[in-house]
């Protein structure tokens, strides 16, 4: 709700009226807080832009530091510590990294200044735009945004997309690879049923890792084929994609036989569970090691299947960055090989 509007559903009895009035006041305060936050964020952008333009006119770094110090002192005395030189420096960075005023005003309606400060620390323009969109679309709290940044969600999406070429049955930006499942509290040794139980226990965290708009449908989905019972580990529905998503959990390295199993499940779901307004189901096979060369050779994306690794513990930051950089480099090399002419 973006504004308060009168309604015709005013209760008659006093107790119900009190609850109705409490709702009106709480909603009014929420709307006011959103509007104040948006105005404050745009104000900071305008301050940063004005200082940036002034500094660029002079063209000297020493002048920039001096103006931040002098203006910061003057504004600080008038408006408080929010305008100290370090915060003014962030405002200038904000204006330079987000130069489009229309986009800034739209962003300010969804993200707070604290969200913006978290985004300013990101070096890559593409990554910064990704996290801004993620935070706005998923209504992430500042804590959730910082967690997504620390878990390298952008880089993992790029790795996942490397196995989904144009024309694939699996839309790009659907999954992340590897999925980081440290929030599920798994021990060093566990069974596939333990992994399934952990995901079901902390389903919200898993769905946030998998992608936006996912709804849980079933675990151990029973399928009867030729009189035999088969069981799919987890079944979800993606609202943005308008299709069922089958998930199989595997301990250990990817095995090419997993492809046939998932194809069977997807064919059954397509025949027996798919609704008329839905697209064909897709599948996600989660393994502790993805065996990426096998995955590339099998070209499972043509049948709507992707394979992703999962990690049950988040490594130290420097190790995480090294491992993801290596995976991203390998992914880009595979994409480059795929684009070579057939004769080379």
Foldseek 3Di string as FASTA:
>chain_A
DQDDDDDPPQDDDDVVNVVVVVVNVVVVVVNVVLVVQLVVQLVLLVLLVVLLVVCVVVPDPVVSQVCLQVVLVVVCVVPNNCSHSVNSVLSVLLCVLPVDSVVSSVLSSQDGVLLSSLLSVDDDSVVSVVLSVVCRVVVDDSVRSNVCVLLVQVLQLLLQCLLQDPPFPADRPQAGFPQEAQVLPDDPDDDQVSVLVSCVVVVVSVDVRRDPQKAWDDAQDWDADPNDTDTFGTWIAHPVQQAIETEHEDEAEDDPVVLVVVLVVQVRCQPPPRDPPGDGYAYEYEYQHDPVVVSNVVSSRNSRYGYHYYHNDDDPSVVSVVVSVVSSVVSVVSSVVVPDPPVD
